[in-house]
Protein backbone atom coordinates (compact mmCIF):
# COMPACT_ATOMS: atom_id res chain seq x y z
CA MET A 1 42.43 -27.23 57.62
CA GLU A 2 43.37 -25.39 54.74
CA GLN A 3 39.77 -25.60 53.18
CA ILE A 4 38.50 -23.76 56.61
CA TYR A 5 41.51 -20.97 56.52
CA GLN A 6 40.58 -20.31 52.95
CA GLN A 7 37.14 -19.90 53.89
CA TYR A 8 38.34 -17.72 57.02
CA LEU A 9 40.70 -15.16 54.83
CA LEU A 10 36.99 -14.16 53.14
CA SER A 11 35.34 -12.87 56.12
CA ARG A 12 37.73 -13.24 58.61
CA LYS A 13 34.93 -13.93 61.07
CA VAL A 14 34.18 -16.83 63.43
CA THR A 15 31.77 -17.27 65.73
CA THR A 16 30.86 -19.91 68.90
CA ASP A 17 26.92 -18.42 69.15
CA SER A 18 24.30 -19.28 66.73
CA ARG A 19 22.95 -16.20 68.03
CA ASN A 20 25.63 -13.82 66.13
CA CYS A 21 26.37 -14.78 62.54
CA PRO A 22 27.95 -12.19 60.82
CA PRO A 23 27.50 -12.81 56.44
CA GLY A 24 30.43 -15.30 55.90
CA SER A 25 31.33 -16.03 59.13
CA ILE A 26 32.53 -19.53 59.97
CA TYR A 27 30.42 -21.48 63.12
CA PHE A 28 32.66 -23.72 65.45
CA SER A 29 29.69 -25.91 67.43
CA LEU A 30 31.71 -25.88 71.31
CA LYS A 31 30.67 -27.96 74.14
CA GLY A 32 30.08 -27.00 77.02
CA GLU A 33 28.69 -28.26 80.30
CA ARG A 34 25.38 -27.63 79.50
CA PHE A 35 24.99 -27.46 75.92
CA ASP A 36 26.73 -28.48 72.69
CA GLY A 37 26.91 -26.48 69.58
CA ASN A 38 26.33 -28.89 67.46
CA GLU A 39 22.79 -28.47 67.97
CA PHE A 40 22.99 -25.28 66.45
CA ALA A 41 25.11 -25.78 63.58
CA LEU A 42 22.46 -25.85 60.60
CA GLU A 43 20.86 -22.71 62.46
CA ALA A 44 24.05 -20.45 62.52
CA LEU A 45 23.77 -21.79 58.59
CA SER A 46 20.56 -20.14 58.33
CA LYS A 47 21.29 -17.43 59.46
CA GLY A 48 24.36 -16.17 57.66
CA CYS A 49 27.68 -18.15 58.68
CA GLU A 50 29.24 -19.76 55.62
CA MET A 51 30.44 -22.44 56.94
CA ALA A 52 29.76 -25.02 60.11
CA VAL A 53 32.55 -26.50 61.99
CA VAL A 54 30.96 -29.69 63.25
CA ASP A 55 32.11 -32.77 65.46
CA ASP A 56 29.12 -34.56 65.51
CA VAL A 57 29.32 -37.56 62.81
CA ARG A 58 24.82 -36.84 62.20
CA LEU A 59 26.14 -33.78 60.36
CA LYS A 60 29.09 -35.34 58.22
CA ASN A 61 26.73 -34.90 55.24
CA GLU A 62 25.22 -31.78 55.57
CA LYS A 63 25.84 -28.80 53.40
CA GLY A 64 27.83 -25.89 54.58
CA CYS A 65 29.27 -28.67 57.77
CA ILE A 66 33.18 -29.13 57.81
CA TRP A 67 33.21 -32.25 60.21
CA VAL A 68 36.22 -32.82 62.41
CA SER A 69 37.21 -34.70 65.35
CA ASP A 70 37.33 -31.74 67.65
CA ALA A 71 35.53 -28.37 66.97
CA LEU A 72 37.25 -26.82 69.34
CA GLU A 73 40.53 -28.54 68.63
CA ALA A 74 40.05 -26.92 64.98
CA LEU A 75 39.46 -23.65 66.44
CA GLN A 76 42.65 -23.81 68.30
CA SER A 77 44.66 -25.05 65.26
CA LEU A 78 43.01 -22.40 62.74
CA ALA A 79 44.10 -19.56 65.31
CA ARG A 80 47.38 -20.96 65.17
CA HIS A 81 47.80 -21.32 61.89
CA HIS A 82 46.96 -17.67 61.11
CA ARG A 83 48.69 -16.66 63.79
CA GLN A 84 52.00 -17.99 62.09
CA ALA A 85 51.17 -16.73 58.90
CA SER A 86 49.93 -13.40 59.41
CA GLY A 87 53.75 -12.71 60.34
CA VAL A 88 52.72 -10.43 63.53
CA LYS A 89 54.51 -10.11 66.63
CA VAL A 90 53.44 -11.22 69.71
CA ILE A 91 53.42 -10.11 73.46
CA GLY A 92 52.49 -12.48 75.66
CA ILE A 93 50.98 -11.92 79.23
CA THR A 94 49.86 -13.48 82.47
CA GLY A 95 49.90 -13.19 85.98
CA SER A 96 48.11 -13.73 89.07
CA ASN A 97 47.25 -9.89 89.33
CA GLY A 98 47.62 -7.07 87.26
CA LYS A 99 47.64 -8.94 83.47
CA THR A 100 44.73 -7.11 82.22
CA THR A 101 45.71 -3.36 83.00
CA THR A 102 49.53 -4.14 82.34
CA LYS A 103 47.54 -5.24 78.88
CA GLU A 104 45.56 -2.21 78.48
CA LEU A 105 48.98 0.14 79.33
CA MET A 106 51.10 -1.91 77.07
CA ALA A 107 48.68 -1.54 74.17
CA GLN A 108 48.10 2.00 74.56
CA VAL A 109 51.85 2.72 74.46
CA LEU A 110 52.58 -0.03 71.57
CA SER A 111 49.79 2.05 69.47
CA ARG A 112 51.48 5.23 69.21
CA LYS A 113 54.06 3.53 66.60
CA TYR A 114 52.42 0.65 65.54
CA LYS A 115 49.13 -1.56 64.74
CA VAL A 116 48.03 -3.40 67.79
CA TRP A 117 45.67 -5.51 68.58
CA PHE A 118 45.23 -6.76 72.19
CA THR A 119 42.59 -9.48 73.95
CA GLN A 120 39.42 -7.30 74.26
CA GLY A 121 38.07 -7.91 77.73
CA ASN A 122 38.41 -11.12 79.60
CA LEU A 123 39.01 -13.42 76.00
CA ASN A 124 42.24 -15.48 77.83
CA ASN A 125 41.38 -18.76 77.62
CA HIS A 126 41.40 -21.68 75.93
CA ILE A 127 38.93 -20.39 73.36
CA GLY A 128 39.58 -16.55 73.79
CA VAL A 129 42.60 -16.62 72.92
CA PRO A 130 41.91 -18.31 69.94
CA LEU A 131 39.36 -15.58 69.44
CA THR A 132 41.70 -12.99 69.89
CA LEU A 133 43.61 -13.98 67.09
CA LEU A 134 40.79 -14.62 64.69
CA SER A 135 39.82 -11.41 65.28
CA MET A 136 42.88 -9.28 64.60
CA PRO A 137 42.77 -6.47 62.01
CA GLU A 138 44.32 -7.34 58.78
CA ALA A 139 46.88 -4.53 59.23
CA THR A 140 48.21 -5.69 62.53
CA GLU A 141 51.69 -5.48 63.52
CA MET A 142 51.71 -6.18 67.03
CA VAL A 143 49.56 -8.70 69.05
CA VAL A 144 48.83 -8.02 73.30
CA LEU A 145 47.93 -11.63 74.53
CA GLU A 146 46.52 -12.22 77.83
CA MET A 147 46.89 -15.75 78.79
CA GLY A 148 44.87 -16.83 81.94
CA ALA A 149 44.86 -20.15 83.66
CA ASN A 150 43.17 -21.96 86.87
CA HIS A 151 45.43 -25.03 86.51
CA GLN A 152 49.12 -26.38 85.20
CA GLY A 153 49.41 -27.11 81.64
CA GLU A 154 46.74 -24.28 80.92
CA ILE A 155 49.59 -21.81 79.76
CA ALA A 156 51.65 -23.70 78.33
CA ARG A 157 48.60 -25.15 75.64
CA LEU A 158 47.59 -20.97 75.34
CA CYS A 159 51.68 -20.65 74.62
CA GLU A 160 51.33 -23.36 71.55
CA ILE A 161 48.42 -21.42 70.11
CA GLY A 162 49.47 -18.22 70.75
CA ARG A 163 53.06 -18.44 70.07
CA PRO A 164 54.63 -15.37 71.90
CA ASP A 165 57.29 -14.00 70.55
CA PHE A 166 58.29 -12.16 73.79
CA GLY A 167 56.62 -12.41 77.43
CA LEU A 168 56.06 -10.68 80.72
CA ILE A 169 54.52 -12.47 84.07
CA THR A 170 53.11 -10.02 86.31
CA ASN A 171 53.44 -11.34 89.39
CA VAL A 172 52.47 -14.61 91.39
CA GLY A 173 49.96 -14.94 94.30
CA LYS A 174 47.09 -17.22 95.67
CA ALA A 175 45.11 -16.71 92.67
CA HIS A 176 42.48 -19.92 91.80
CA ILE A 177 44.58 -21.92 94.06
CA GLU A 178 41.94 -24.51 94.21
CA GLY A 179 43.18 -25.43 90.38
CA PHE A 180 46.77 -25.52 90.76
CA GLY A 181 46.64 -27.02 94.27
CA SER A 182 49.64 -24.51 95.90
CA PHE A 183 51.63 -21.34 95.81
CA GLU A 184 54.35 -23.33 94.28
CA GLY A 185 51.38 -25.41 91.70
CA ILE A 186 50.59 -21.41 91.08
CA LYS A 187 54.40 -20.60 90.41
CA ILE A 188 54.77 -23.96 88.02
CA GLY A 189 51.16 -22.94 85.86
CA LYS A 190 52.54 -19.11 85.64
CA GLY A 191 55.89 -20.26 84.91
CA GLU A 192 55.31 -22.30 81.84
CA LEU A 193 55.21 -18.77 79.87
CA TYR A 194 59.02 -18.51 80.87
CA ARG A 195 59.71 -22.10 79.87
CA PHE A 196 58.43 -21.36 76.39
CA LEU A 197 59.84 -18.15 76.10
CA LYS A 198 63.58 -19.70 77.24
CA ARG A 199 62.63 -22.86 74.61
CA GLU A 200 62.28 -20.69 72.07
CA GLY A 201 65.19 -18.25 72.73
CA ARG A 202 62.52 -15.66 73.00
CA PRO A 203 63.26 -12.04 75.17
CA VAL A 204 61.27 -11.66 78.71
CA PHE A 205 60.75 -8.84 80.51
CA ILE A 206 60.96 -9.10 83.68
CA ASN A 207 60.27 -7.35 87.47
CA ARG A 208 64.23 -7.31 89.01
CA GLU A 209 62.94 -6.84 92.82
CA ASN A 210 59.92 -9.47 92.37
CA ALA A 211 62.25 -12.39 94.10
CA HIS A 212 59.31 -14.83 92.97
CA LEU A 213 59.52 -14.55 88.95
CA LYS A 214 63.60 -14.55 89.58
CA GLU A 215 63.65 -18.21 90.88
CA MET A 216 60.89 -18.78 88.41
CA LEU A 217 63.50 -17.67 85.35
CA GLY A 218 66.18 -18.97 86.40
CA THR A 219 69.10 -18.67 84.69
CA GLY A 220 69.09 -15.99 81.88
CA PHE A 221 67.51 -13.67 84.26
CA GLU A 222 70.76 -11.27 83.30
CA ASP A 223 69.70 -11.16 79.84
CA ALA A 224 66.00 -10.06 80.40
CA PHE A 225 65.16 -6.57 79.92
CA GLN A 226 64.19 -5.73 83.59
CA TYR A 227 62.50 -3.18 85.04
CA GLY A 228 61.91 -2.04 88.93
CA THR A 229 63.23 0.72 90.83
CA GLY A 230 66.61 -0.31 91.39
CA ASP A 231 69.86 1.82 89.32
CA ALA A 232 70.30 -1.58 87.69
CA CYS A 233 66.91 -1.72 85.94
CA ASP A 234 66.77 -0.82 82.14
CA VAL A 235 63.99 1.08 83.42
CA LYS A 236 63.74 2.51 86.76
CA GLY A 237 60.71 3.74 89.19
CA SER A 238 61.10 6.35 92.62
CA GLY A 239 58.72 8.80 93.75
CA ALA A 240 55.68 6.83 93.56
CA ARG A 241 52.46 8.03 95.52
CA VAL A 242 49.08 8.11 95.61
CA ASN A 243 46.38 10.84 96.69
CA PRO A 244 44.06 8.81 94.84
CA PHE A 245 45.77 8.84 91.66
CA LEU A 246 49.12 7.19 91.43
CA SER A 247 52.29 9.38 89.87
CA PHE A 248 55.60 8.44 90.36
CA PHE A 249 59.34 9.16 88.05
CA TRP A 250 60.56 6.90 85.44
CA GLN A 251 63.65 6.93 83.49
CA ARG A 252 65.51 4.46 81.22
CA LYS A 253 69.00 3.64 82.17
CA GLY A 254 71.61 5.83 81.39
CA VAL A 255 69.40 8.77 81.23
CA SER A 256 69.89 11.46 84.16
CA GLU A 257 66.80 13.43 83.47
CA PRO A 258 63.54 11.44 84.74
CA PHE A 259 59.59 11.52 83.64
CA GLU A 260 57.34 12.76 86.34
CA GLN A 261 54.37 10.84 85.34
CA GLN A 262 50.43 11.04 85.95
CA THR A 263 48.14 8.45 85.70
CA GLN A 264 44.28 8.06 86.05
CA LEU A 265 44.84 4.78 88.00
CA THR A 266 44.86 3.98 91.85
CA GLY A 267 47.03 2.52 93.78
CA ILE A 268 50.36 1.87 94.40
CA TYR A 269 50.74 -1.43 92.86
CA ASN A 270 50.05 -0.65 89.54
CA LEU A 271 53.55 1.21 89.57
CA GLU A 272 54.72 -2.33 88.39
CA ASN A 273 52.13 -2.54 85.80
CA ALA A 274 53.31 1.02 84.82
CA LEU A 275 56.79 -0.08 84.43
CA ALA A 276 56.29 -2.93 82.80
CA ALA A 277 54.23 -0.90 79.80
CA ILE A 278 56.95 1.65 79.54
CA ALA A 279 59.81 -0.90 79.81
CA VAL A 280 58.08 -2.55 76.71
CA GLY A 281 57.23 0.62 75.03
CA ILE A 282 61.04 1.65 75.08
CA PHE A 283 62.65 -1.99 73.87
CA PHE A 284 60.16 -2.01 70.41
CA GLY A 285 61.05 1.79 69.93
CA VAL A 286 58.44 3.82 71.35
CA SER A 287 59.78 7.83 72.07
CA ASP A 288 59.87 8.61 75.61
CA ALA A 289 57.08 11.23 74.99
CA ASP A 290 54.91 8.83 73.26
CA ILE A 291 55.34 6.85 75.76
CA HIS A 292 54.77 9.72 78.61
CA ALA A 293 51.81 10.76 76.57
CA ALA A 294 50.25 7.40 76.65
CA ILE A 295 50.70 6.31 80.13
CA ALA A 296 48.91 9.45 80.90
CA ALA A 297 45.94 9.59 78.68
CA TYR A 298 44.92 5.86 79.58
CA GLN A 299 41.60 5.29 81.47
CA PRO A 300 40.98 2.15 83.18
CA ALA A 301 37.58 0.89 83.36
CA ASN A 302 35.69 -2.21 84.23
CA GLN A 303 35.87 -1.72 87.58
CA ARG A 304 39.38 -2.24 87.73
CA SER A 305 41.53 0.69 89.42
CA GLN A 306 39.23 3.35 89.16
CA VAL A 307 38.33 6.31 91.01
CA VAL A 308 34.86 7.21 90.83
CA LYS A 309 32.85 10.47 92.52
CA THR A 310 29.06 10.04 93.51
CA GLY A 311 27.47 12.91 95.08
CA THR A 312 29.51 13.21 98.36
CA ASN A 313 31.46 9.81 98.16
CA LYS A 314 34.75 9.48 96.50
CA ILE A 315 35.10 5.74 95.28
CA ILE A 316 38.03 3.40 94.61
CA MET A 317 36.45 0.83 92.41
CA ASP A 318 38.14 -2.33 92.64
CA ALA A 319 35.71 -4.89 92.09
CA TYR A 320 36.40 -7.09 88.98
CA ASN A 321 38.06 -9.67 90.72
CA ALA A 322 40.29 -10.38 94.10
CA ASN A 323 42.34 -12.75 95.86
CA PRO A 324 44.62 -12.94 98.59
CA SER A 325 47.50 -10.70 97.26
CA SER A 326 44.83 -8.45 95.51
CA MET A 327 43.20 -7.56 99.09
CA ALA A 328 46.58 -6.83 100.23
CA VAL A 329 47.65 -4.30 98.32
CA ALA A 330 43.97 -2.94 97.58
CA LEU A 331 43.79 -2.34 101.65
CA GLU A 332 47.11 -1.11 102.14
CA ASN A 333 46.85 0.98 99.02
CA PHE A 334 43.78 2.57 100.68
CA ARG A 335 45.23 3.38 104.16
CA SER A 336 47.42 5.56 102.53
CA ILE A 337 45.35 7.96 100.73
CA PRO A 338 44.11 10.99 103.05
CA ALA A 339 40.75 10.85 103.83
CA GLU A 340 38.54 12.23 107.21
CA LYS A 341 36.06 8.93 107.07
CA ARG A 342 36.72 5.80 105.43
CA VAL A 343 34.14 3.15 104.20
CA VAL A 344 35.33 -0.39 103.25
CA VAL A 345 33.45 -2.76 100.85
CA LEU A 346 34.87 -6.40 100.44
CA GLY A 347 33.40 -9.58 99.21
CA GLY A 348 34.70 -12.60 99.34
CA MET A 349 37.12 -14.62 97.56
CA LYS A 350 36.11 -17.33 95.14
CA GLU A 351 38.41 -20.38 94.30
CA LEU A 352 40.53 -20.60 97.18
CA GLY A 353 39.69 -24.32 98.26
CA ILE A 354 40.58 -25.31 101.18
CA GLU A 355 42.72 -22.02 102.28
CA SER A 356 39.68 -20.03 102.05
CA SER A 357 38.86 -19.58 105.59
CA ALA A 358 42.39 -18.97 106.61
CA GLU A 359 42.76 -16.88 104.11
CA HIS A 360 39.66 -14.42 104.94
CA GLN A 361 41.18 -14.75 108.52
CA ILE A 362 43.95 -12.68 107.53
CA LEU A 363 41.97 -10.26 105.47
CA MET A 364 39.76 -9.39 108.59
CA ASP A 365 42.72 -9.20 110.46
CA GLN A 366 44.18 -6.75 107.66
CA LEU A 367 40.70 -4.89 107.79
CA LYS A 368 40.58 -4.66 111.77
CA ALA A 369 44.42 -3.23 111.65
CA MET A 370 43.42 -0.59 109.26
CA ALA A 371 40.06 0.77 111.58
CA PRO A 372 37.47 1.67 109.28
CA ASP A 373 34.60 3.77 109.83
CA LEU A 374 32.76 1.37 108.52
CA ALA A 375 33.28 -1.74 106.89
CA PHE A 376 30.50 -3.88 104.74
CA LEU A 377 31.88 -7.56 104.34
CA VAL A 378 29.48 -9.56 101.57
CA GLY A 379 29.45 -13.40 101.26
CA PRO A 380 29.24 -16.62 102.97
CA GLU A 381 33.23 -16.82 103.32
CA PHE A 382 32.81 -13.35 106.16
CA LYS A 383 29.72 -14.78 107.84
CA GLU A 384 31.77 -16.39 111.19
CA LEU A 385 34.70 -14.14 110.83
CA VAL A 386 32.72 -10.71 111.32
CA PRO A 387 33.60 -8.67 114.51
CA LYS A 388 31.10 -8.18 117.70
CA THR A 389 32.85 -4.48 117.09
CA LYS A 390 31.03 -1.66 116.10
CA GLY A 391 30.59 -0.72 112.39
CA TYR A 392 31.17 -4.37 110.78
CA PHE A 393 28.36 -5.76 108.71
CA TRP A 394 27.56 -8.60 106.94
CA PHE A 395 25.34 -9.46 104.42
CA GLU A 396 25.00 -13.02 102.44
CA SER A 397 24.82 -11.00 98.92
CA GLY A 398 25.57 -7.82 96.96
CA GLU A 399 21.70 -7.69 96.54
CA ALA A 400 21.25 -7.27 100.51
CA LEU A 401 23.94 -5.28 100.63
CA ILE A 402 22.06 -2.78 98.07
CA ARG A 403 18.78 -3.03 100.68
CA HIS A 404 20.79 -1.24 103.47
CA LEU A 405 22.78 1.05 101.79
CA THR A 406 19.68 2.93 100.30
CA SER A 407 18.00 2.98 103.81
CA HIS A 408 21.14 3.38 105.07
CA PRO A 409 23.13 5.83 102.89
CA VAL A 410 27.00 6.29 103.43
CA GLU A 411 27.84 10.29 102.71
CA ASN A 412 31.30 11.87 102.67
CA ALA A 413 33.38 9.03 102.85
CA LEU A 414 36.35 7.43 100.80
CA VAL A 415 34.96 4.09 99.94
CA LEU A 416 36.84 0.77 98.99
CA VAL A 417 34.33 -1.79 96.68
CA LYS A 418 36.79 -4.63 96.68
CA GLY A 419 35.75 -8.61 95.73
CA SER A 420 35.27 -11.68 93.23
CA ARG A 421 33.42 -10.66 90.38
CA ALA A 422 31.12 -13.51 91.64
CA ASN A 423 29.75 -10.67 93.95
CA GLN A 424 28.77 -8.53 92.00
CA LEU A 425 30.04 -5.40 94.01
CA GLU A 426 29.97 -3.06 90.98
CA LYS A 427 26.15 -2.74 91.47
CA ALA A 428 26.85 -0.70 94.97
CA LEU A 429 27.56 1.90 93.07
CA SER A 430 24.17 3.24 92.51
CA VAL A 431 23.70 3.88 96.40
CA LEU A 432 26.98 4.65 97.13
């Protein structure tokens, strides 16, 4: 490992893709379901990598190759070693919904005072977390590390790699329930972050109003840095409203004058994400004025809580991911926004296992209660659930939806686009 680390320090670049080989970088020969990275190790060396970490014994004596028993474990060990050697402070974030938005808001706030690195895109798993740590700039002082999981044990594993000094769980909901097995399984899996932090005696940030999180944290709750809407919170939010952007008031405990906060986010559910970022900023000594400015300046991207104007329509674009809890709050938020004409585009929810049919029926009941002017439902999950009433349409795929909208355009409407990433509903933006 020391030999690999010394080479890493020369370029501070690693790659797992033989098509992307920066000069001096280290190539890690990872395996997937349909590929073996060892097969491309020599190619990576020829393209500019200085070293290839391999776990195929046939490459043991090849020039430039370093043989290890497991290339993935070597990547994770290198990241853990670098994280410890760098001396950075790491804030770990997980949760069923909102972790990416919270991570980005938090990074914006902390960047007003510190040199901050944070998880790029969705690099939040057993490969992405090591790559995040190994790609941080040399002068980094703080890392906001997003940790994703769809099975128990994964957050614990990521904690051992990233060794967070502080942590936050946004919430728990029925996401990836197929892998976790049950809602209780989700709580156990996400709660692995709390268990790591408590074992190490490290601070926790928590939404005081979330009963599930309080139960998961258990003893030590009163010592946590708390945010929410109650007077007992270290950071209190109030007066939240959406039209279509979220605005609210916030104040730290013991301060009488609140800040009036405007955002470029839609969704009342983003209040807790913004309060989490504000709480972290206050904890780390960012000034109230800088926190206020950072939250106001943040612009969501990647189809998360975006408001997009297209022709005569206003689109609430939230099509990166979906699960029962995020669908419910998205519909409730959509209902609260004033509009003369409402159109809903929903994609089927994935990874729900045996609960899929029941959860999609609950979603349909919520949708019917809202009574939109038009509803477009995409994916096989909805096929047998579409109401026979006027205004409801079902499509097998996003492509079929686009063909319909091309010949039957929607105009002068407020439109919600929400669904799992697999549905690729963002492509419908061009015809909305």
